[in-house]
């Protein structure tokens, strides 16, 4: 497991940034590479611990899982004598986490499933988590409960504040998702007084969603989606149509919520019961949708330079 440690000359927080806990989620790997390339990085206050590839086995085999087919993010806190996933989780929890004061974990959607740039964190009665989530700067924050045996649950048990950044799709680079991730980590470092703030970002305030729900396919067939990532929807809106290959047996997929599309499948072939759209509930989805559009325009490869250390976009 490659671990990069940057010690500042002045004492301060110890921020851990991890990626590729799921081996096929590679946007976070590029985010950390760009973060470590910044010229100021050796002049920070405190310490940055960066692990670009936690699940090396899955990363090399382009798989979400470890060779034993276990999900590392459901294997915490792990043990020295357990499965491969359990042992790897134990290494992280015993050798790395005790040194940390704050954690940012980087994720993407699954294969063929894309996520809007968003922060997920347990916010109820967790003011430090909320402060980190808001500082990150993406328009969408999801107040997300802890999952049993997850990295986030294990960190919470140890009293360490942690947020998750979700963006893009597995096995694909997404330039906007990468830029948003780099920028977000830098923003959190500013909020923790690990680096100086150069200028105001002008980003709109993030809006918190307390719930999200997947809309599922009512039948198998060819999916024709009508809305994309970041779109605002109202209850009753038609999100997609599903037909058989001959255009018969037409079925409408309808939203049951007011909200924002924060995740969707990119495959046109779907099966009955398959998750198609993930909608975060908002009372005023049009407002947050405008914020998302402005945010994406700012981070687009042909848009405004967001930081002096920005690299050429990947295509």
C-alpha atoms as a PDB file:
ATOM      1  CA  UNK A   1       0.000   0.000   0.000  1.00  0.00           C
ATOM      2  CA  UNK A   2       1.703   3.262  -1.081  1.00  0.00           C
ATOM      3  CA  UNK A   3       1.607   5.897   1.687  1.00  0.00           C
ATOM      4  CA  UNK A   4       2.885   9.441   1.175  1.00  0.00           C
ATOM      5  CA  UNK A   5       3.473  11.528   4.310  1.00  0.00           C
ATOM      6  CA  UNK A   6       4.065  15.293   4.135  1.00  0.00           C
ATOM      7  CA  UNK A   7       5.118  16.908   7.424  1.00  0.00           C
ATOM      8  CA  UNK A   8       4.818  20.669   7.717  1.00  0.00           C
ATOM      9  CA  UNK A   9       7.342  22.618   9.780  1.00  0.00           C
ATOM     10  CA  UNK A  10       4.597  23.907  12.072  1.00  0.00           C
ATOM     11  CA  UNK A  11       2.332  21.631  14.122  1.00  0.00           C
ATOM     12  CA  UNK A  12      -1.295  21.240  13.154  1.00  0.00           C
ATOM     13  CA  UNK A  13      -3.962  18.731  12.119  1.00  0.00           C
ATOM     14  CA  UNK A  14      -3.151  15.378  10.557  1.00  0.00           C
ATOM     15  CA  UNK A  15      -5.353  14.996   7.480  1.00  0.00           C
ATOM     16  CA  UNK A  16      -5.637  11.575   5.862  1.00  0.00           C
ATOM     17  CA  UNK A  17      -6.823  11.408   2.229  1.00  0.00           C
ATOM     18  CA  UNK A  18      -7.565   7.924   0.861  1.00  0.00           C
ATOM     19  CA  UNK A  19      -8.658   6.601  -2.528  1.00  0.00           C
ATOM     20  CA  UNK A  20      -9.350   3.289  -4.284  1.00  0.00           C
ATOM     21  CA  UNK A  21     -10.723   1.452  -1.265  1.00  0.00           C
ATOM     22  CA  UNK A  22     -12.793   0.048  -4.112  1.00  0.00           C
ATOM     23  CA  UNK A  23     -10.061  -0.821  -6.591  1.00  0.00           C
ATOM     24  CA  UNK A  24     -11.900   0.290  -9.730  1.00  0.00           C
ATOM     25  CA  UNK A  25     -12.698   3.805  -8.439  1.00  0.00           C
ATOM     26  CA  UNK A  26      -9.772   5.618 -10.011  1.00  0.00           C
ATOM     27  CA  UNK A  27     -10.775   9.305  -9.989  1.00  0.00           C
ATOM     28  CA  UNK A  28      -9.507   9.565  -6.421  1.00  0.00           C
ATOM     29  CA  UNK A  29      -6.109   8.201  -7.464  1.00  0.00           C
ATOM     30  CA  UNK A  30      -5.690  11.074  -9.918  1.00  0.00           C
ATOM     31  CA  UNK A  31      -7.016  13.588  -7.375  1.00  0.00           C
ATOM     32  CA  UNK A  32      -4.300  12.604  -4.894  1.00  0.00           C
ATOM     33  CA  UNK A  33      -1.597  12.645  -7.593  1.00  0.00           C
ATOM     34  CA  UNK A  34      -2.523  16.227  -8.482  1.00  0.00           C
ATOM     35  CA  UNK A  35      -2.757  17.225  -4.820  1.00  0.00           C
ATOM     36  CA  UNK A  36       0.776  15.990  -4.114  1.00  0.00           C
ATOM     37  CA  UNK A  37       2.086  17.829  -7.198  1.00  0.00           C
ATOM     38  CA  UNK A  38       1.243  21.279  -5.785  1.00  0.00           C
ATOM     39  CA  UNK A  39       4.361  23.349  -5.076  1.00  0.00           C
ATOM     40  CA  UNK A  40       3.069  24.561  -1.715  1.00  0.00           C
ATOM     41  CA  UNK A  41       2.433  21.052  -0.377  1.00  0.00           C
ATOM     42  CA  UNK A  42       5.693  20.896   1.611  1.00  0.00           C
ATOM     43  CA  UNK A  43       4.890  24.239   3.296  1.00  0.00           C
ATOM     44  CA  UNK A  44       1.667  23.149   4.966  1.00  0.00           C
ATOM     45  CA  UNK A  45       0.908  23.408   8.656  1.00  0.00           C
ATOM     46  CA  UNK A  46       0.438  20.002  10.246  1.00  0.00           C
ATOM     47  CA  UNK A  47       0.647  16.739   8.318  1.00  0.00           C
ATOM     48  CA  UNK A  48      -0.926  15.319   5.181  1.00  0.00           C
ATOM     49  CA  UNK A  49      -1.092  11.527   4.817  1.00  0.00           C
ATOM     50  CA  UNK A  50      -2.119  10.478   1.314  1.00  0.00           C
ATOM     51  CA  UNK A  51      -2.918   6.907   0.253  1.00  0.00           C
ATOM     52  CA  UNK A  52      -3.824   6.950  -3.457  1.00  0.00           C
ATOM     53  CA  UNK A  53      -4.460   3.203  -3.685  1.00  0.00           C
ATOM     54  CA  UNK A  54      -5.691   1.453  -0.556  1.00  0.00           C
ATOM     55  CA  UNK A  55      -6.931  -1.669  -2.354  1.00  0.00           C
ATOM     56  CA  UNK A  56      -3.885  -2.387  -4.520  1.00  0.00           C
ATOM     57  CA  UNK A  57      -5.162  -5.885  -5.387  1.00  0.00           C
ATOM     58  CA  UNK A  58      -8.441  -4.573  -6.794  1.00  0.00           C
ATOM     59  CA  UNK A  59      -6.723  -1.643  -8.512  1.00  0.00           C
ATOM     60  CA  UNK A  60      -4.327  -3.881 -10.436  1.00  0.00           C
ATOM     61  CA  UNK A  61      -7.122  -6.260 -11.485  1.00  0.00           C
ATOM     62  CA  UNK A  62      -9.535  -3.378 -12.291  1.00  0.00           C
ATOM     63  CA  UNK A  63     -11.993  -4.765  -9.760  1.00  0.00           C
ATOM     64  CA  UNK A  64     -14.040  -3.240  -6.957  1.00  0.00           C
ATOM     65  CA  UNK A  65     -13.197  -6.185  -4.744  1.00  0.00           C
ATOM     66  CA  UNK A  66     -10.193  -8.008  -3.340  1.00  0.00           C
ATOM     67  CA  UNK A  67      -9.162 -11.390  -4.786  1.00  0.00           C
ATOM     68  CA  UNK A  68     -11.317 -13.109  -2.143  1.00  0.00           C
ATOM     69  CA  UNK A  69     -14.337 -11.221  -3.618  1.00  0.00           C
ATOM     70  CA  UNK A  70     -14.875  -9.315  -0.385  1.00  0.00           C
ATOM     71  CA  UNK A  71     -15.739  -5.623  -0.253  1.00  0.00           C
ATOM     72  CA  UNK A  72     -12.987  -3.876   1.725  1.00  0.00           C
ATOM     73  CA  UNK A  73     -15.439  -1.136   2.724  1.00  0.00           C
ATOM     74  CA  UNK A  74     -17.564  -3.728   4.529  1.00  0.00           C
ATOM     75  CA  UNK A  75     -14.647  -5.327   6.372  1.00  0.00           C
ATOM     76  CA  UNK A  76     -13.727  -2.754   9.030  1.00  0.00           C
ATOM     77  CA  UNK A  77     -12.260  -2.589  11.594  1.00  0.00           C
ATOM     78  CA  UNK A  78     -10.796  -5.910  10.503  1.00  0.00           C
ATOM     79  CA  UNK A  79      -8.518  -8.349  12.289  1.00  0.00           C
ATOM     80  CA  UNK A  80      -4.986  -9.728  12.031  1.00  0.00           C
ATOM     81  CA  UNK A  81      -6.209 -13.289  11.471  1.00  0.00           C
ATOM     82  CA  UNK A  82      -9.302 -12.768   9.299  1.00  0.00           C
ATOM     83  CA  UNK A  83      -9.864 -12.739   5.543  1.00  0.00           C
ATOM     84  CA  UNK A  84      -7.616 -10.814   3.159  1.00  0.00           C
ATOM     85  CA  UNK A  85     -10.026  -7.865   3.295  1.00  0.00           C
ATOM     86  CA  UNK A  86     -10.178  -8.020   7.082  1.00  0.00           C
ATOM     87  CA  UNK A  87      -6.380  -8.043   7.376  1.00  0.00           C
ATOM     88  CA  UNK A  88      -6.018  -5.081   5.024  1.00  0.00           C
ATOM     89  CA  UNK A  89      -8.647  -3.137   6.993  1.00  0.00           C
ATOM     90  CA  UNK A  90      -6.764  -3.973  10.189  1.00  0.00           C
ATOM     91  CA  UNK A  91      -3.514  -2.590   8.759  1.00  0.00           C
ATOM     92  CA  UNK A  92      -5.251   0.695   7.956  1.00  0.00           C
ATOM     93  CA  UNK A  93      -6.951   0.933  11.349  1.00  0.00           C
ATOM     94  CA  UNK A  94      -3.911   0.036  13.468  1.00  0.00           C
ATOM     95  CA  UNK A  95      -0.994   1.596  11.566  1.00  0.00           C
ATOM     96  CA  UNK A  96      -2.504   4.701   9.937  1.00  0.00           C
ATOM     97  CA  UNK A  97      -5.733   5.863  11.563  1.00  0.00           C
ATOM     98  CA  UNK A  98      -4.386   6.355  15.133  1.00  0.00           C
ATOM     99  CA  UNK A  99      -2.126   9.126  13.786  1.00  0.00           C
ATOM    100  CA  UNK A 100      -4.971  11.059  12.091  1.00  0.00           C
ATOM    101  CA  UNK A 101      -7.246  13.880  13.235  1.00  0.00           C
ATOM    102  CA  UNK A 102      -9.409  14.207  10.082  1.00  0.00           C
ATOM    103  CA  UNK A 103     -10.171  11.955   7.077  1.00  0.00           C
ATOM    104  CA  UNK A 104     -11.389  12.489   3.504  1.00  0.00           C
ATOM    105  CA  UNK A 105     -12.193   9.283   1.602  1.00  0.00           C
ATOM    106  CA  UNK A 106     -12.538   9.518  -2.200  1.00  0.00           C
ATOM    107  CA  UNK A 107     -15.021   7.358  -4.129  1.00  0.00           C
ATOM    108  CA  UNK A 108     -16.775   7.064  -7.500  1.00  0.00           C
ATOM    109  CA  UNK A 109     -19.930   5.380  -8.733  1.00  0.00           C
ATOM    110  CA  UNK A 110     -19.891   1.708  -9.670  1.00  0.00           C
ATOM    111  CA  UNK A 111     -19.134   0.393 -13.164  1.00  0.00           C
ATOM    112  CA  UNK A 112     -21.567   1.954 -15.694  1.00  0.00           C
ATOM    113  CA  UNK A 113     -23.060   4.111 -12.933  1.00  0.00           C
ATOM    114  CA  UNK A 114     -22.150   7.778 -12.569  1.00  0.00           C
ATOM    115  CA  UNK A 115     -22.371   9.948  -9.457  1.00  0.00           C
ATOM    116  CA  UNK A 116     -22.723  13.710  -9.303  1.00  0.00           C
ATOM    117  CA  UNK A 117     -19.949  15.380  -7.293  1.00  0.00           C
ATOM    118  CA  UNK A 118     -21.244  15.234  -3.727  1.00  0.00           C
ATOM    119  CA  UNK A 119     -20.190  14.918  -0.107  1.00  0.00           C
ATOM    120  CA  UNK A 120     -21.625  12.210   2.145  1.00  0.00           C
ATOM    121  CA  UNK A 121     -21.203  12.452   5.887  1.00  0.00           C
ATOM    122  CA  UNK A 122     -22.942  11.865   9.178  1.00  0.00           C
ATOM    123  CA  UNK A 123     -23.990  15.403  10.081  1.00  0.00           C
ATOM    124  CA  UNK A 124     -26.424  14.965  12.975  1.00  0.00           C
ATOM    125  CA  UNK A 125     -24.635  15.936  16.192  1.00  0.00           C
ATOM    126  CA  UNK A 126     -21.331  15.998  14.268  1.00  0.00           C
ATOM    127  CA  UNK A 127     -20.359  19.694  13.870  1.00  0.00           C
ATOM    128  CA  UNK A 128     -16.808  18.953  12.678  1.00  0.00           C
ATOM    129  CA  UNK A 129     -18.102  16.643   9.935  1.00  0.00           C
ATOM    130  CA  UNK A 130     -20.545  19.338   8.821  1.00  0.00           C
ATOM    131  CA  UNK A 131     -17.841  22.009   8.834  1.00  0.00           C
ATOM    132  CA  UNK A 132     -15.582  19.830   6.656  1.00  0.00           C
ATOM    133  CA  UNK A 133     -18.474  18.980   4.321  1.00  0.00           C
ATOM    134  CA  UNK A 134     -19.404  22.634   3.836  1.00  0.00           C
ATOM    135  CA  UNK A 135     -15.779  23.684   3.435  1.00  0.00           C
ATOM    136  CA  UNK A 136     -15.254  21.146   0.641  1.00  0.00           C
ATOM    137  CA  UNK A 137     -17.411  23.371  -1.529  1.00  0.00           C
ATOM    138  CA  UNK A 138     -19.508  21.098  -3.744  1.00  0.00           C
ATOM    139  CA  UNK A 139     -23.177  22.161  -4.024  1.00  0.00           C
ATOM    140  CA  UNK A 140     -24.646  18.835  -2.815  1.00  0.00           C
ATOM    141  CA  UNK A 141     -24.169  17.377   0.662  1.00  0.00           C
ATOM    142  CA  UNK A 142     -25.995  14.220   1.716  1.00  0.00           C
ATOM    143  CA  UNK A 143     -26.586  13.600   5.421  1.00  0.00           C
ATOM    144  CA  UNK A 144     -25.768   9.920   5.284  1.00  0.00           C
ATOM    145  CA  UNK A 145     -26.129   7.379   8.065  1.00  0.00           C
ATOM    146  CA  UNK A 146     -23.231   5.056   8.867  1.00  0.00           C
ATOM    147  CA  UNK A 147     -23.064   1.639   7.222  1.00  0.00           C
ATOM    148  CA  UNK A 148     -22.101  -1.316   9.377  1.00  0.00           C
ATOM    149  CA  UNK A 149     -18.471  -2.459   9.008  1.00  0.00           C
ATOM    150  CA  UNK A 150     -17.589   0.492   6.753  1.00  0.00           C
ATOM    151  CA  UNK A 151     -14.412   2.574   6.964  1.00  0.00           C
ATOM    152  CA  UNK A 152     -16.525   5.581   7.946  1.00  0.00           C
ATOM    153  CA  UNK A 153     -18.226   3.685  10.784  1.00  0.00           C
ATOM    154  CA  UNK A 154     -14.859   2.491  12.109  1.00  0.00           C
ATOM    155  CA  UNK A 155     -13.428   6.028  12.014  1.00  0.00           C
ATOM    156  CA  UNK A 156     -16.521   7.357  13.803  1.00  0.00           C
ATOM    157  CA  UNK A 157     -16.077   4.705  16.491  1.00  0.00           C
ATOM    158  CA  UNK A 158     -12.577   6.098  17.076  1.00  0.00           C
ATOM    159  CA  UNK A 159     -13.922   9.651  17.226  1.00  0.00           C
ATOM    160  CA  UNK A 160     -12.217  10.851  14.023  1.00  0.00           C
ATOM    161  CA  UNK A 161     -14.215  13.246  11.779  1.00  0.00           C
ATOM    162  CA  UNK A 162     -14.596  11.871   8.244  1.00  0.00           C
ATOM    163  CA  UNK A 163     -16.325  12.842   5.016  1.00  0.00           C
ATOM    164  CA  UNK A 164     -16.726  10.929   1.749  1.00  0.00           C
ATOM    165  CA  UNK A 165     -16.406  12.541  -1.675  1.00  0.00           C
ATOM    166  CA  UNK A 166     -18.368  10.763  -4.418  1.00  0.00           C
ATOM    167  CA  UNK A 167     -18.032  11.700  -8.086  1.00  0.00           C
ATOM    168  CA  UNK A 168     -17.814  10.146 -11.526  1.00  0.00           C
ATOM    169  CA  UNK A 169     -17.845   6.516 -12.608  1.00  0.00           C
ATOM    170  CA  UNK A 170     -15.595   3.534 -11.928  1.00  0.00           C
ATOM    171  CA  UNK A 171     -12.729   2.832 -14.359  1.00  0.00           C
ATOM    172  CA  UNK A 172     -13.111   6.244 -16.041  1.00  0.00           C
ATOM    173  CA  UNK A 173     -11.474   9.611 -15.481  1.00  0.00           C
ATOM    174  CA  UNK A 174     -13.906  12.511 -15.195  1.00  0.00           C
ATOM    175  CA  UNK A 175     -12.104  15.849 -15.423  1.00  0.00           C
ATOM    176  CA  UNK A 176     -14.790  17.873 -13.630  1.00  0.00           C
ATOM    177  CA  UNK A 177     -14.967  15.284 -10.835  1.00  0.00           C
ATOM    178  CA  UNK A 178     -11.168  15.326 -10.494  1.00  0.00           C
ATOM    179  CA  UNK A 179     -10.929  19.129 -10.421  1.00  0.00           C
ATOM    180  CA  UNK A 180     -13.777  19.342  -7.904  1.00  0.00           C
ATOM    181  CA  UNK A 181     -12.026  16.794  -5.699  1.00  0.00           C
ATOM    182  CA  UNK A 182      -8.663  18.579  -5.743  1.00  0.00           C
ATOM    183  CA  UNK A 183     -10.290  21.925  -5.116  1.00  0.00           C
ATOM    184  CA  UNK A 184     -12.415  20.481  -2.306  1.00  0.00           C
ATOM    185  CA  UNK A 185      -9.452  18.991  -0.443  1.00  0.00           C
ATOM    186  CA  UNK A 186      -7.592  22.293  -0.720  1.00  0.00           C
ATOM    187  CA  UNK A 187     -10.658  24.067   0.680  1.00  0.00           C
ATOM    188  CA  UNK A 188     -10.780  21.689   3.651  1.00  0.00           C
ATOM    189  CA  UNK A 189      -7.074  22.270   4.268  1.00  0.00           C
ATOM    190  CA  UNK A 190      -7.774  25.998   4.387  1.00  0.00           C
ATOM    191  CA  UNK A 191     -10.620  25.454   6.860  1.00  0.00           C
ATOM    192  CA  UNK A 192      -8.271  23.395   9.069  1.00  0.00           C
ATOM    193  CA  UNK A 193      -5.633  26.155   8.889  1.00  0.00           C
ATOM    194  CA  UNK A 194      -3.219  23.838   7.101  1.00  0.00           C
ATOM    195  CA  UNK A 195      -2.670  26.352   4.279  1.00  0.00           C
ATOM    196  CA  UNK A 196      -3.349  30.013   3.616  1.00  0.00           C
ATOM    197  CA  UNK A 197      -6.428  31.049   1.715  1.00  0.00           C
ATOM    198  CA  UNK A 198      -5.442  32.999  -1.391  1.00  0.00           C
ATOM    199  CA  UNK A 199      -8.814  34.332  -2.498  1.00  0.00           C
ATOM    200  CA  UNK A 200     -12.519  33.863  -2.084  1.00  0.00           C
ATOM    201  CA  UNK A 201     -13.911  31.049  -4.208  1.00  0.00           C
ATOM    202  CA  UNK A 202     -17.308  32.689  -4.739  1.00  0.00           C
ATOM    203  CA  UNK A 203     -18.968  29.275  -4.574  1.00  0.00           C
ATOM    204  CA  UNK A 204     -22.658  29.200  -3.576  1.00  0.00           C
ATOM    205  CA  UNK A 205     -23.422  27.668  -0.173  1.00  0.00           C
ATOM    206  CA  UNK A 206     -23.905  23.918  -0.187  1.00  0.00           C
ATOM    207  CA  UNK A 207     -27.400  22.559   0.387  1.00  0.00           C
ATOM    208  CA  UNK A 208     -27.964  19.499   2.550  1.00  0.00           C
ATOM    209  CA  UNK A 209     -30.279  16.653   1.562  1.00  0.00           C
ATOM    210  CA  UNK A 210     -31.441  14.362   4.345  1.00  0.00           C
ATOM    211  CA  UNK A 211     -32.630  11.514   2.131  1.00  0.00           C
ATOM    212  CA  UNK A 212     -32.053   9.989  -1.283  1.00  0.00           C
ATOM    213  CA  UNK A 213     -33.872   7.216  -3.115  1.00  0.00           C
ATOM    214  CA  UNK A 214     -33.171   5.039  -6.135  1.00  0.00           C
ATOM    215  CA  UNK A 215     -35.779   4.851  -8.888  1.00  0.00           C
ATOM    216  CA  UNK A 216     -35.819   1.323 -10.306  1.00  0.00           C
ATOM    217  CA  UNK A 217     -36.758  -0.166 -13.654  1.00  0.00           C
ATOM    218  CA  UNK A 218     -40.317  -1.472 -13.755  1.00  0.00           C
ATOM    219  CA  UNK A 219     -39.461  -3.892 -16.579  1.00  0.00           C
ATOM    220  CA  UNK A 220     -36.512  -5.122 -18.602  1.00  0.00           C
ATOM    221  CA  UNK A 221     -35.662  -3.510 -21.942  1.00  0.00           C
ATOM    222  CA  UNK A 222     -33.995  -0.574 -23.673  1.00  0.00           C
ATOM    223  CA  UNK A 223     -33.727   2.537 -21.498  1.00  0.00           C
ATOM    224  CA  UNK A 224     -34.129   6.031 -22.991  1.00  0.00           C
ATOM    225  CA  UNK A 225     -33.211   8.504 -20.257  1.00  0.00           C
ATOM    226  CA  UNK A 226     -34.688  12.004 -20.420  1.00  0.00           C
ATOM    227  CA  UNK A 227     -32.748  13.615 -17.548  1.00  0.00           C
ATOM    228  CA  UNK A 228     -29.065  13.699 -16.723  1.00  0.00           C
ATOM    229  CA  UNK A 229     -26.822  14.072 -13.707  1.00  0.00           C
ATOM    230  CA  UNK A 230     -27.583  17.247 -11.749  1.00  0.00           C
ATOM    231  CA  UNK A 231     -31.035  17.746 -13.260  1.00  0.00           C
ATOM    232  CA  UNK A 232     -33.871  19.009 -11.059  1.00  0.00           C
ATOM    233  CA  UNK A 233     -37.016  16.874 -11.048  1.00  0.00           C
ATOM    234  CA  UNK A 234     -40.484  17.141  -9.548  1.00  0.00           C
ATOM    235  CA  UNK A 235     -42.706  14.354  -8.283  1.00  0.00           C
ATOM    236  CA  UNK A 236     -44.570  12.971 -11.273  1.00  0.00           C
ATOM    237  CA  UNK A 237     -41.946  13.945 -13.875  1.00  0.00           C
ATOM    238  CA  UNK A 238     -41.153  11.303 -16.497  1.00  0.00           C
ATOM    239  CA  UNK A 239     -37.474  10.425 -16.127  1.00  0.00           C
ATOM    240  CA  UNK A 240     -37.133   7.767 -18.840  1.00  0.00           C
ATOM    241  CA  UNK A 241     -38.908   5.280 -21.066  1.00  0.00           C
ATOM    242  CA  UNK A 242     -38.253   1.548 -21.315  1.00  0.00           C
ATOM    243  CA  UNK A 243     -39.232  -0.431 -24.425  1.00  0.00           C
ATOM    244  CA  UNK A 244     -38.402  -3.777 -25.927  1.00  0.00           C
ATOM    245  CA  UNK A 245     -36.081  -3.674 -28.982  1.00  0.00           C
ATOM    246  CA  UNK A 246     -39.100  -3.448 -31.325  1.00  0.00           C
ATOM    247  CA  UNK A 247     -40.401  -0.336 -29.556  1.00  0.00           C
ATOM    248  CA  UNK A 248     -43.318  -2.149 -27.965  1.00  0.00           C
ATOM    249  CA  UNK A 249     -44.343  -2.619 -24.310  1.00  0.00           C
ATOM    250  CA  UNK A 250     -43.620   1.019 -23.512  1.00  0.00           C
ATOM    251  CA  UNK A 251     -43.118   1.835 -19.819  1.00  0.00           C
ATOM    252  CA  UNK A 252     -42.643   5.243 -18.184  1.00  0.00           C
ATOM    253  CA  UNK A 253     -40.212   5.739 -15.302  1.00  0.00           C
ATOM    254  CA  UNK A 254     -41.638   8.456 -13.051  1.00  0.00           C
ATOM    255  CA  UNK A 255     -40.047  10.374 -10.181  1.00  0.00           C
ATOM    256  CA  UNK A 256     -41.707  10.054  -6.794  1.00  0.00           C
ATOM    257  CA  UNK A 257     -39.744  12.933  -5.252  1.00  0.00           C
ATOM    258  CA  UNK A 258     -38.818  16.574  -5.667  1.00  0.00           C
ATOM    259  CA  UNK A 259     -35.072  16.693  -5.906  1.00  0.00           C
ATOM    260  CA  UNK A 260     -31.813  16.413  -7.826  1.00  0.00           C
ATOM    261  CA  UNK A 261     -30.477  13.488  -9.833  1.00  0.00           C
ATOM    262  CA  UNK A 262     -27.225  12.646  -8.024  1.00  0.00           C
ATOM    263  CA  UNK A 263     -26.627   9.248  -9.648  1.00  0.00           C
ATOM    264  CA  UNK A 264     -27.719   7.361 -12.764  1.00  0.00           C
ATOM    265  CA  UNK A 265     -26.934   4.314 -14.845  1.00  0.00           C
ATOM    266  CA  UNK A 266     -25.089   4.872 -18.134  1.00  0.00           C
ATOM    267  CA  UNK A 267     -26.231   1.572 -19.681  1.00  0.00           C
ATOM    268  CA  UNK A 268     -29.207   1.616 -22.047  1.00  0.00           C
ATOM    269  CA  UNK A 269     -29.949  -2.073 -21.388  1.00  0.00           C
ATOM    270  CA  UNK A 270     -31.692  -2.554 -18.031  1.00  0.00           C
ATOM    271  CA  UNK A 271     -33.438  -5.323 -16.154  1.00  0.00           C
ATOM    272  CA  UNK A 272     -36.543  -5.175 -14.001  1.00  0.00           C
ATOM    273  CA  UNK A 273     -35.663  -3.908 -10.515  1.00  0.00           C
ATOM    274  CA  UNK A 274     -32.351  -2.400 -11.588  1.00  0.00           C
ATOM    275  CA  UNK A 275     -31.437   0.975 -10.032  1.00  0.00           C
ATOM    276  CA  UNK A 276     -31.602   3.712 -12.679  1.00  0.00           C
ATOM    277  CA  UNK A 277     -31.736   7.163 -11.047  1.00  0.00           C
ATOM    278  CA  UNK A 278     -30.670   8.210  -7.549  1.00  0.00           C
ATOM    279  CA  UNK A 279     -32.607  11.287  -6.446  1.00  0.00           C
ATOM    280  CA  UNK A 280     -31.664  13.428  -3.441  1.00  0.00           C
ATOM    281  CA  UNK A 281     -34.749  15.058  -1.956  1.00  0.00           C
ATOM    282  CA  UNK A 282     -34.845  18.876  -1.992  1.00  0.00           C
ATOM    283  CA  UNK A 283     -37.791  21.203  -1.478  1.00  0.00           C
ATOM    284  CA  UNK A 284     -36.431  23.702  -4.026  1.00  0.00           C
ATOM    285  CA  UNK A 285     -34.599  21.577  -6.613  1.00  0.00           C
ATOM    286  CA  UNK A 286     -34.451  24.355  -9.237  1.00  0.00           C
ATOM    287  CA  UNK A 287     -32.291  26.499  -6.948  1.00  0.00           C
ATOM    288  CA  UNK A 288     -29.735  23.803  -6.246  1.00  0.00           C
ATOM    289  CA  UNK A 289     -29.748  22.765  -9.914  1.00  0.00           C
ATOM    290  CA  UNK A 290     -28.692  26.295 -10.895  1.00  0.00           C
ATOM    291  CA  UNK A 291     -25.848  26.121  -8.359  1.00  0.00           C
ATOM    292  CA  UNK A 292     -24.726  22.772  -9.794  1.00  0.00           C
ATOM    293  CA  UNK A 293     -24.742  24.093 -13.355  1.00  0.00           C
ATOM    294  CA  UNK A 294     -22.679  27.152 -12.406  1.00  0.00           C
ATOM    295  CA  UNK A 295     -20.251  25.001 -10.439  1.00  0.00           C
ATOM    296  CA  UNK A 296     -19.727  22.597 -13.343  1.00  0.00           C
ATOM    297  CA  UNK A 297     -19.276  25.454 -15.821  1.00  0.00           C
ATOM    298  CA  UNK A 298     -16.537  26.876 -13.603  1.00  0.00           C
ATOM    299  CA  UNK A 299     -14.713  23.542 -13.431  1.00  0.00           C
ATOM    300  CA  UNK A 300     -15.154  22.546 -17.072  1.00  0.00           C
ATOM    301  CA  UNK A 301     -11.840  22.031 -18.938  1.00  0.00           C
ATOM    302  CA  UNK A 302     -12.500  25.092 -21.110  1.00  0.00           C
ATOM    303  CA  UNK A 303     -13.665  27.169 -18.158  1.00  0.00           C
ATOM    304  CA  UNK A 304     -11.964  29.465 -15.682  1.00  0.00           C
ATOM    305  CA  UNK A 305      -8.711  28.366 -14.065  1.00  0.00           C
ATOM    306  CA  UNK A 306      -9.693  27.397 -10.540  1.00  0.00           C
ATOM    307  CA  UNK A 307      -6.233  27.288  -8.982  1.00  0.00           C
ATOM    308  CA  UNK A 308      -2.727  28.405  -9.896  1.00  0.00           C
ATOM    309  CA  UNK A 309      -1.498  24.809  -9.716  1.00  0.00           C
ATOM    310  CA  UNK A 310      -4.096  23.420 -12.107  1.00  0.00           C
ATOM    311  CA  UNK A 311      -2.852  20.851 -14.626  1.00  0.00           C
ATOM    312  CA  UNK A 312      -3.952  20.318 -18.234  1.00  0.00           C
ATOM    313  CA  UNK A 313      -7.220  18.361 -18.391  1.00  0.00           C
ATOM    314  CA  UNK A 314      -7.362  14.660 -19.120  1.00  0.00           C
ATOM    315  CA  UNK A 315      -9.501  13.757 -22.137  1.00  0.00           C
END
